[in-house]
Amino acid sequence: MDGARQQLLDAALLLARDRHWEEVRLADVAEAAGMSLRELRAHFPDKEAFVDALWDRADDALLAAANDEIPMATGERIERLVFAWLQPLAAHRRTARQMLLVRLEPGHLHIQLPTLIRISRTVQWLREAARLEQGFLMRALDETALTALFAATVALWLRDNDAAARDLLRRGLALRKRLVRFPR
């Protein structure tokens, strides 16, 4: 993400500390970043793009964590990667929760479907980072299970319950290990 996008995202997150995400206005973000609305629009075509930018930041953290060469079991690697993904959201947990709830409001089908696709994309990167090698039907089943487990873990974590989220993820990964053959 380029410097201007980072600056604008940081400005939006800072404004959201003092109010609900729904109350953050693009004009306020532009002003806080020292830009015009026109300049902001060149980086963010709409307010929803800020949510995607925060998820991009989390995806980047997940992929950065994948670069280590520490040998570990697949389940441990997935847990490490999921919590690496959550780390950039930690300072903005309340705002991230509000962003997600706004996306899930009834009548917002135009942003609900892209959100589901976005979760799927993140899980695909998670699978790549975890070096999962299943193909065809096993990949599809594993990806479905991992998507549900990822979404449930994130939802629990967003409710300020780190320990319960980690426990849920571990229990889900243990079940997954019994149902799916892990490479290594």
Foldseek 3Di string as FASTA:
>chain_A
DDPLLVLLLVLLLVVCVVHANVPRDLCSSQVSSVHHSVVVCVNPVDSLVSLVVLQVVLLVQLLVLLPDPDDDFLLVNLLVSLVSSCVSCVVRLQRNLSSVVVLVDPPNPVSVVVVLVSLLVSLVSSCVSSVFDDDDPLVVVLSVLVSVLSVVLSVCVSVVDNPVSSVSSSVSVVVVVVVHPGDD
